[in-house]
Amino acid sequence: MDAWQGVLQGVVEAGVAAGEFETSDSASVAWQILGMIDGLNAQSLVRWDGVNDRGTHLARAVEGMVGAARGSLRQQRSSQG
């Protein structure tokens, strides 16, 4: 878990350095993201009621935590597939 937290913290810090994110505590944000990923994975095993796009829900929450523009963390899908 510590290694995953370190990876996420590095991503958050890179976003802050690039001016894309705003947070004064990248370590805490990284732990929050890791906790959400863990929780969503657990919920998907138990019951998800047909919602198959957990990534979008996670991206929206993280955008709010780091002050990123809405939609900026979601992968853009091409119209070709």
Protein backbone atom coordinates (compact mmCIF):
# COMPACT_ATOMS: atom_id res chain seq x y z
CA MET A 1 0.00 0.00 0.00
CA ASP A 2 2.84 2.38 0.79
CA ALA A 3 4.29 1.89 -2.69
CA TRP A 4 0.93 2.61 -4.36
CA GLN A 5 0.49 5.68 -2.17
CA GLY A 6 3.94 6.86 -3.25
CA VAL A 7 3.06 6.45 -6.92
CA LEU A 8 -0.19 8.39 -6.49
CA GLN A 9 1.55 11.09 -4.45
CA GLY A 10 4.09 11.49 -7.25
CA VAL A 11 1.30 11.92 -9.80
CA VAL A 12 -0.41 14.53 -7.64
CA GLU A 13 2.87 16.38 -7.06
CA ALA A 14 3.59 16.36 -10.80
CA GLY A 15 0.13 17.83 -11.42
CA VAL A 16 0.76 20.55 -8.85
CA ALA A 17 4.16 21.33 -10.40
CA ALA A 18 2.55 21.57 -13.85
CA GLY A 19 -0.09 23.96 -12.53
CA GLU A 20 -2.90 21.51 -13.27
CA PHE A 21 -3.69 20.59 -9.65
CA GLU A 22 -4.00 22.63 -6.47
CA THR A 23 -3.34 20.98 -3.12
CA SER A 24 -1.08 21.68 -0.19
CA ASP A 25 -1.09 18.05 1.00
CA SER A 26 -0.36 15.63 -1.82
CA ALA A 27 0.31 12.78 0.61
CA SER A 28 -3.20 12.98 2.07
CA VAL A 29 -4.79 13.31 -1.35
CA ALA A 30 -2.91 10.20 -2.46
CA TRP A 31 -4.21 8.23 0.55
CA GLN A 32 -7.77 9.43 -0.17
CA ILE A 33 -7.51 8.32 -3.80
CA LEU A 34 -6.14 4.93 -2.75
CA GLY A 35 -8.98 4.52 -0.26
CA MET A 36 -11.58 5.33 -2.93
CA ILE A 37 -10.03 2.85 -5.36
CA ASP A 38 -10.04 0.18 -2.67
CA GLY A 39 -13.64 0.91 -1.70
CA LEU A 40 -14.91 0.96 -5.27
CA ASN A 41 -13.18 -2.32 -5.99
CA ALA A 42 -14.76 -3.91 -2.93
CA GLN A 43 -18.20 -2.60 -3.89
CA SER A 44 -17.85 -3.94 -7.42
CA LEU A 45 -17.29 -7.41 -6.01
CA VAL A 46 -20.36 -7.25 -3.80
CA ARG A 47 -22.86 -5.21 -5.77
CA TRP A 48 -22.65 -2.45 -8.33
CA ASP A 49 -26.18 -2.43 -9.80
CA GLY A 50 -25.18 -2.15 -13.40
CA VAL A 51 -22.83 0.82 -13.07
CA ASN A 52 -19.80 -0.24 -15.04
CA ASP A 53 -17.87 3.02 -15.21
CA ARG A 54 -16.25 3.34 -11.80
CA GLY A 55 -13.41 5.29 -13.40
CA THR A 56 -15.67 8.22 -14.23
CA HIS A 57 -16.96 8.40 -10.66
CA LEU A 58 -13.42 8.27 -9.30
CA ALA A 59 -12.15 10.88 -11.76
CA ARG A 60 -14.91 13.34 -10.79
CA ALA A 61 -14.09 12.98 -7.10
CA VAL A 62 -10.36 13.40 -7.67
CA GLU A 63 -10.93 16.44 -9.88
CA GLY A 64 -12.69 18.05 -6.93
CA MET A 65 -9.96 17.10 -4.47
CA VAL A 66 -7.14 18.57 -6.55
CA GLY A 67 -8.98 21.54 -8.06
CA ALA A 68 -8.73 20.20 -11.61
CA ALA A 69 -11.15 21.24 -14.30
CA ARG A 70 -14.24 19.03 -14.57
CA GLY A 71 -13.65 16.32 -17.13
CA SER A 72 -9.91 16.85 -17.26
CA LEU A 73 -9.02 13.50 -15.68
CA ARG A 74 -11.33 11.31 -17.71
CA GLN A 75 -9.81 9.48 -20.64
CA GLN A 76 -11.10 10.81 -23.90
CA ARG A 77 -12.49 8.06 -26.10
CA SER A 78 -12.13 8.38 -29.82
CA SER A 79 -15.20 8.09 -32.00
CA GLN A 80 -13.42 5.36 -33.96
CA GLY A 81 -13.37 2.87 -31.14
